[in-house]
Amino acid sequence: MRGMNTKNIGNSGENIATEYLQGKGYKIIERNVHLGAGELDIVAQFGDLIVFVEVKARNNYSFGNPLEAMTKQKIKMLIQTAKQYISFNHLFNIQVRFDVISIVGTEIEHIEDAFWLN
């Protein structure tokens, strides 16, 4: 990911996260879903769960841990966007989960159940 701009780092991180999730048995439903002012990086299915995955990627730790970018405001926006996705796709009787994947260089950290729909 060296020498890339922020958008390219994000796209590369999402590609890495997608491959990682598929390797763990997740079925990728959609990527980069824009609804209203929000975006869902990855929407996946894992068993009978719909999993909304936020991907945070960095080249290195010089700007801190990417997980620090998961502010209360960012979480609130993700939850709102997920609610719109659920409503739009009529997924009312399905369980959902929010995961966060942090990628720094070649390190991948997958936090399952990072926060909850409320």
N, C-alpha and C. Protein backbone atom coordinates (compact mmCIF):
# COMPACT_ATOMS: atom_id res chain seq x y z
N MET A 1 0.83 -1.20 0.00
CA MET A 1 0.00 0.00 0.00
C MET A 1 0.87 1.25 0.00
N ARG A 2 2.16 1.09 0.00
CA ARG A 2 3.09 2.22 0.04
C ARG A 2 2.94 3.07 -1.22
N GLY A 3 3.01 4.40 -1.06
CA GLY A 3 2.96 5.32 -2.18
C GLY A 3 1.56 5.58 -2.71
N MET A 4 0.55 5.17 -1.99
CA MET A 4 -0.82 5.36 -2.44
C MET A 4 -1.45 6.55 -1.74
N ASN A 5 -2.44 7.16 -2.40
CA ASN A 5 -3.20 8.21 -1.72
C ASN A 5 -4.26 7.56 -0.84
N THR A 6 -4.96 8.38 -0.07
CA THR A 6 -5.92 7.87 0.90
C THR A 6 -7.00 7.00 0.27
N LYS A 7 -7.55 7.44 -0.86
CA LYS A 7 -8.60 6.68 -1.53
C LYS A 7 -8.08 5.32 -1.99
N ASN A 8 -6.88 5.31 -2.55
CA ASN A 8 -6.30 4.04 -3.01
C ASN A 8 -5.99 3.10 -1.85
N ILE A 9 -5.54 3.68 -0.73
CA ILE A 9 -5.28 2.86 0.46
C ILE A 9 -6.58 2.23 0.93
N GLY A 10 -7.65 3.02 0.94
CA GLY A 10 -8.96 2.50 1.34
C GLY A 10 -9.43 1.39 0.43
N ASN A 11 -9.31 1.59 -0.89
CA ASN A 11 -9.73 0.56 -1.85
C ASN A 11 -8.90 -0.71 -1.70
N SER A 12 -7.59 -0.54 -1.54
CA SER A 12 -6.73 -1.69 -1.35
C SER A 12 -7.09 -2.43 -0.06
N GLY A 13 -7.34 -1.67 1.00
CA GLY A 13 -7.74 -2.28 2.27
C GLY A 13 -9.04 -3.05 2.16
N GLU A 14 -9.99 -2.50 1.43
CA GLU A 14 -11.27 -3.20 1.23
C GLU A 14 -11.07 -4.47 0.42
N ASN A 15 -10.18 -4.45 -0.56
CA ASN A 15 -9.88 -5.66 -1.33
C ASN A 15 -9.26 -6.74 -0.44
N ILE A 16 -8.31 -6.32 0.40
CA ILE A 16 -7.67 -7.26 1.33
C ILE A 16 -8.71 -7.82 2.31
N ALA A 17 -9.56 -6.95 2.84
CA ALA A 17 -10.59 -7.39 3.79
C ALA A 17 -11.57 -8.35 3.13
N THR A 18 -11.94 -8.07 1.89
CA THR A 18 -12.86 -8.95 1.16
C THR A 18 -12.26 -10.35 1.01
N GLU A 19 -11.01 -10.42 0.59
CA GLU A 19 -10.34 -11.72 0.44
C GLU A 19 -10.24 -12.43 1.78
N TYR A 20 -9.91 -11.68 2.82
CA TYR A 20 -9.80 -12.24 4.17
C TYR A 20 -11.13 -12.85 4.61
N LEU A 21 -12.21 -12.08 4.44
CA LEU A 21 -13.54 -12.55 4.85
C LEU A 21 -13.97 -13.78 4.04
N GLN A 22 -13.74 -13.75 2.75
CA GLN A 22 -14.10 -14.89 1.92
C GLN A 22 -13.34 -16.14 2.36
N GLY A 23 -12.08 -15.96 2.75
CA GLY A 23 -11.28 -17.07 3.25
C GLY A 23 -11.81 -17.65 4.55
N LYS A 24 -12.57 -16.84 5.29
CA LYS A 24 -13.17 -17.30 6.55
C LYS A 24 -14.61 -17.79 6.35
N GLY A 25 -15.06 -17.86 5.09
CA GLY A 25 -16.39 -18.40 4.80
C GLY A 25 -17.50 -17.38 4.68
N TYR A 26 -17.18 -16.10 4.65
CA TYR A 26 -18.19 -15.07 4.47
C TYR A 26 -18.55 -14.97 3.00
N LYS A 27 -19.82 -14.71 2.73
CA LYS A 27 -20.27 -14.45 1.37
C LYS A 27 -20.43 -12.93 1.24
N ILE A 28 -19.71 -12.32 0.33
CA ILE A 28 -19.80 -10.88 0.12
C ILE A 28 -21.05 -10.59 -0.69
N ILE A 29 -21.93 -9.77 -0.13
CA ILE A 29 -23.18 -9.41 -0.81
C ILE A 29 -22.98 -8.14 -1.63
N GLU A 30 -22.40 -7.12 -1.00
CA GLU A 30 -22.17 -5.84 -1.68
C GLU A 30 -20.97 -5.15 -1.06
N ARG A 31 -20.41 -4.23 -1.86
CA ARG A 31 -19.33 -3.37 -1.37
C ARG A 31 -19.63 -1.93 -1.72
N ASN A 32 -19.15 -1.04 -0.88
CA ASN A 32 -19.28 0.41 -1.12
C ASN A 32 -20.72 0.83 -1.41
N VAL A 33 -21.60 0.49 -0.49
CA VAL A 33 -23.02 0.82 -0.61
C VAL A 33 -23.23 2.23 -0.08
N HIS A 34 -23.72 3.13 -0.93
CA HIS A 34 -23.99 4.51 -0.54
C HIS A 34 -25.50 4.68 -0.34
N LEU A 35 -25.87 5.10 0.85
CA LEU A 35 -27.27 5.38 1.18
C LEU A 35 -27.32 6.68 1.95
N GLY A 36 -28.02 7.66 1.43
CA GLY A 36 -28.05 8.97 2.09
C GLY A 36 -26.65 9.52 2.17
N ALA A 37 -26.26 9.96 3.35
CA ALA A 37 -24.93 10.53 3.54
C ALA A 37 -23.91 9.47 3.96
N GLY A 38 -24.35 8.23 4.13
CA GLY A 38 -23.46 7.20 4.65
C GLY A 38 -23.01 6.19 3.61
N GLU A 39 -22.01 5.42 3.99
CA GLU A 39 -21.48 4.36 3.14
C GLU A 39 -21.20 3.13 3.99
N LEU A 40 -21.51 1.97 3.43
CA LEU A 40 -21.17 0.70 4.06
C LEU A 40 -20.05 0.09 3.22
N ASP A 41 -18.90 -0.16 3.84
CA ASP A 41 -17.76 -0.68 3.08
C ASP A 41 -18.05 -2.07 2.52
N ILE A 42 -18.46 -2.98 3.39
CA ILE A 42 -18.75 -4.36 2.97
C ILE A 42 -20.01 -4.83 3.68
N VAL A 43 -20.91 -5.43 2.90
CA VAL A 43 -22.07 -6.12 3.45
C VAL A 43 -21.87 -7.59 3.12
N ALA A 44 -21.86 -8.43 4.14
CA ALA A 44 -21.57 -9.84 3.95
C ALA A 44 -22.59 -10.69 4.68
N GLN A 45 -22.62 -11.96 4.29
CA GLN A 45 -23.45 -12.94 4.99
C GLN A 45 -22.51 -13.97 5.60
N PHE A 46 -22.76 -14.28 6.86
CA PHE A 46 -22.00 -15.31 7.56
C PHE A 46 -23.00 -16.17 8.29
N GLY A 47 -23.23 -17.35 7.78
CA GLY A 47 -24.30 -18.19 8.32
C GLY A 47 -25.62 -17.49 8.10
N ASP A 48 -26.40 -17.30 9.17
CA ASP A 48 -27.68 -16.62 9.03
C ASP A 48 -27.61 -15.16 9.46
N LEU A 49 -26.39 -14.62 9.57
CA LEU A 49 -26.19 -13.22 9.93
C LEU A 49 -25.89 -12.37 8.71
N ILE A 50 -26.37 -11.13 8.74
CA ILE A 50 -25.89 -10.10 7.82
C ILE A 50 -24.85 -9.32 8.61
N VAL A 51 -23.66 -9.18 8.05
CA VAL A 51 -22.56 -8.52 8.74
C VAL A 51 -22.17 -7.26 7.96
N PHE A 52 -22.24 -6.13 8.64
CA PHE A 52 -21.80 -4.87 8.08
C PHE A 52 -20.36 -4.67 8.55
N VAL A 53 -19.44 -4.56 7.60
CA VAL A 53 -18.02 -4.50 7.93
C VAL A 53 -17.44 -3.15 7.55
N GLU A 54 -16.89 -2.46 8.53
CA GLU A 54 -16.19 -1.20 8.30
C GLU A 54 -14.70 -1.53 8.22
N VAL A 55 -14.05 -1.03 7.18
CA VAL A 55 -12.63 -1.30 6.96
C VAL A 55 -11.84 -0.02 7.19
N LYS A 56 -10.82 -0.11 8.02
CA LYS A 56 -9.91 1.01 8.28
C LYS A 56 -8.51 0.55 7.91
N ALA A 57 -7.90 1.21 6.92
CA ALA A 57 -6.59 0.81 6.44
C ALA A 57 -5.60 1.97 6.51
N ARG A 58 -4.36 1.63 6.83
CA ARG A 58 -3.27 2.60 6.89
C ARG A 58 -2.00 1.91 6.38
N ASN A 59 -1.06 2.71 5.92
CA ASN A 59 0.26 2.17 5.54
C ASN A 59 1.07 1.77 6.76
N ASN A 60 0.94 2.59 7.82
CA ASN A 60 1.73 2.37 9.03
C ASN A 60 1.00 3.05 10.19
N TYR A 61 1.63 3.04 11.35
CA TYR A 61 0.99 3.61 12.54
C TYR A 61 1.34 5.08 12.77
N SER A 62 1.95 5.76 11.79
CA SER A 62 2.37 7.14 12.02
C SER A 62 1.20 8.08 12.30
N PHE A 63 0.01 7.72 11.85
CA PHE A 63 -1.18 8.52 12.16
C PHE A 63 -2.04 7.84 13.22
N GLY A 64 -1.45 6.89 13.95
CA GLY A 64 -2.16 6.18 15.00
C GLY A 64 -2.79 4.90 14.50
N ASN A 65 -3.41 4.21 15.40
CA ASN A 65 -4.11 2.97 15.08
C ASN A 65 -5.38 3.31 14.30
N PRO A 66 -5.63 2.63 13.19
CA PRO A 66 -6.83 2.94 12.40
C PRO A 66 -8.13 2.78 13.20
N LEU A 67 -8.11 1.94 14.21
CA LEU A 67 -9.32 1.75 15.02
C LEU A 67 -9.71 3.02 15.77
N GLU A 68 -8.74 3.91 15.99
CA GLU A 68 -9.03 5.18 16.65
C GLU A 68 -9.94 6.06 15.81
N ALA A 69 -10.06 5.77 14.51
CA ALA A 69 -10.94 6.53 13.62
C ALA A 69 -12.41 6.12 13.80
N MET A 70 -12.67 5.12 14.61
CA MET A 70 -14.05 4.68 14.87
C MET A 70 -14.63 5.53 16.00
N THR A 71 -14.98 6.75 15.67
CA THR A 71 -15.55 7.68 16.64
C THR A 71 -17.02 7.37 16.87
N LYS A 72 -17.58 7.95 17.92
CA LYS A 72 -19.01 7.79 18.20
C LYS A 72 -19.84 8.27 17.01
N GLN A 73 -19.42 9.37 16.40
CA GLN A 73 -20.14 9.91 15.24
C GLN A 73 -20.09 8.95 14.06
N LYS A 74 -18.93 8.34 13.82
CA LYS A 74 -18.79 7.39 12.72
C LYS A 74 -19.67 6.17 12.97
N ILE A 75 -19.68 5.68 14.20
CA ILE A 75 -20.52 4.52 14.55
C ILE A 75 -21.98 4.86 14.37
N LYS A 76 -22.39 6.04 14.81
CA LYS A 76 -23.78 6.48 14.66
C LYS A 76 -24.18 6.52 13.18
N MET A 77 -23.29 7.04 12.33
CA MET A 77 -23.57 7.10 10.89
C MET A 77 -23.66 5.70 10.28
N LEU A 78 -22.79 4.79 10.70
CA LEU A 78 -22.84 3.42 10.19
C LEU A 78 -24.14 2.73 10.59
N ILE A 79 -24.56 2.92 11.83
CA ILE A 79 -25.81 2.32 12.29
C ILE A 79 -26.99 2.88 11.50
N GLN A 80 -27.03 4.18 11.29
CA GLN A 80 -28.11 4.80 10.52
C GLN A 80 -28.13 4.27 9.09
N THR A 81 -26.96 4.16 8.48
CA THR A 81 -26.88 3.66 7.10
C THR A 81 -27.30 2.20 7.05
N ALA A 82 -26.91 1.41 8.03
CA ALA A 82 -27.31 0.00 8.08
C ALA A 82 -28.83 -0.12 8.23
N LYS A 83 -29.43 0.73 9.06
CA LYS A 83 -30.89 0.72 9.21
C LYS A 83 -31.57 1.02 7.88
N GLN A 84 -31.02 1.97 7.12
CA GLN A 84 -31.57 2.28 5.79
C GLN A 84 -31.43 1.07 4.87
N TYR A 85 -30.28 0.40 4.92
CA TYR A 85 -30.04 -0.79 4.09
C TYR A 85 -31.04 -1.90 4.44
N ILE A 86 -31.22 -2.12 5.74
CA ILE A 86 -32.16 -3.14 6.21
C ILE A 86 -33.57 -2.83 5.71
N SER A 87 -34.00 -1.60 5.85
CA SER A 87 -35.33 -1.18 5.42
C SER A 87 -35.49 -1.31 3.90
N PHE A 88 -34.53 -0.80 3.17
CA PHE A 88 -34.57 -0.82 1.71
C PHE A 88 -34.64 -2.24 1.16
N ASN A 89 -33.94 -3.17 1.83
CA ASN A 89 -33.86 -4.57 1.37
C ASN A 89 -34.83 -5.50 2.10
N HIS A 90 -35.71 -4.92 2.93
CA HIS A 90 -36.74 -5.70 3.66
C HIS A 90 -36.13 -6.85 4.45
N LEU A 91 -35.09 -6.57 5.21
CA LEU A 91 -34.38 -7.58 6.00
C LEU A 91 -34.78 -7.51 7.47
N PHE A 92 -36.06 -7.37 7.73
CA PHE A 92 -36.54 -7.09 9.07
C PHE A 92 -36.39 -8.24 10.06
N ASN A 93 -36.40 -9.47 9.60
CA ASN A 93 -36.34 -10.62 10.51
C ASN A 93 -35.01 -11.35 10.44
N ILE A 94 -33.96 -10.60 10.22
CA ILE A 94 -32.64 -11.20 10.12
C ILE A 94 -31.72 -10.59 11.18
N GLN A 95 -30.81 -11.38 11.69
CA GLN A 95 -29.86 -10.88 12.68
C GLN A 95 -28.72 -10.15 11.97
N VAL A 96 -28.29 -9.06 12.57
CA VAL A 96 -27.18 -8.30 11.99
C VAL A 96 -26.05 -8.17 13.01
N ARG A 97 -24.86 -7.95 12.46
CA ARG A 97 -23.68 -7.75 13.30
C ARG A 97 -22.81 -6.69 12.63
N PHE A 98 -22.10 -5.93 13.45
CA PHE A 98 -21.17 -4.93 12.95
C PHE A 98 -19.75 -5.37 13.30
N ASP A 99 -18.91 -5.51 12.28
CA ASP A 99 -17.51 -5.85 12.48
C ASP A 99 -16.65 -4.69 11.99
N VAL A 100 -15.45 -4.63 12.49
CA VAL A 100 -14.46 -3.67 12.01
C VAL A 100 -13.19 -4.45 11.68
N ILE A 101 -12.64 -4.16 10.52
CA ILE A 101 -11.36 -4.74 10.13
C ILE A 101 -10.35 -3.62 10.00
N SER A 102 -9.26 -3.76 10.74
CA SER A 102 -8.16 -2.80 10.71
C SER A 102 -7.01 -3.45 9.94
N ILE A 103 -6.46 -2.70 8.98
CA ILE A 103 -5.34 -3.19 8.20
C ILE A 103 -4.23 -2.14 8.28
N VAL A 104 -3.07 -2.57 8.76
CA VAL A 104 -1.90 -1.70 8.78
C VAL A 104 -0.77 -2.50 8.12
N GLY A 105 -0.38 -2.04 6.92
CA GLY A 105 0.61 -2.80 6.16
C GLY A 105 0.05 -4.16 5.83
N THR A 106 0.68 -5.22 6.38
CA THR A 106 0.19 -6.58 6.14
C THR A 106 -0.53 -7.16 7.35
N GLU A 107 -0.68 -6.37 8.42
CA GLU A 107 -1.38 -6.83 9.63
C GLU A 107 -2.89 -6.64 9.48
N ILE A 108 -3.64 -7.67 9.80
CA ILE A 108 -5.09 -7.60 9.76
C ILE A 108 -5.64 -7.91 11.15
N GLU A 109 -6.50 -7.04 11.65
CA GLU A 109 -7.19 -7.27 12.92
C GLU A 109 -8.69 -7.23 12.64
N HIS A 110 -9.38 -8.30 12.97
CA HIS A 110 -10.82 -8.41 12.72
C HIS A 110 -11.54 -8.41 14.07
N ILE A 111 -12.32 -7.36 14.30
CA ILE A 111 -13.10 -7.27 15.53
C ILE A 111 -14.55 -7.58 15.20
N GLU A 112 -14.99 -8.74 15.64
CA GLU A 112 -16.38 -9.15 15.43
C GLU A 112 -17.24 -8.51 16.52
N ASP A 113 -18.47 -8.18 16.16
CA ASP A 113 -19.41 -7.60 17.13
C ASP A 113 -18.83 -6.34 17.76
N ALA A 114 -18.26 -5.47 16.95
CA ALA A 114 -17.59 -4.27 17.44
C ALA A 114 -18.54 -3.30 18.12
N PHE A 115 -19.78 -3.23 17.64
CA PHE A 115 -20.82 -2.40 18.24
C PHE A 115 -22.15 -2.95 17.79
N TRP A 116 -23.25 -2.43 18.38
CA TRP A 116 -24.55 -3.03 18.16
C TRP A 116 -25.54 -2.05 17.57
N LEU A 117 -26.50 -2.62 16.89
CA LEU A 117 -27.63 -1.86 16.34
C LEU A 117 -28.53 -1.48 17.50
N ASN A 118 -28.89 -0.19 17.57
CA ASN A 118 -29.78 0.22 18.66
C ASN A 118 -30.87 1.11 18.15
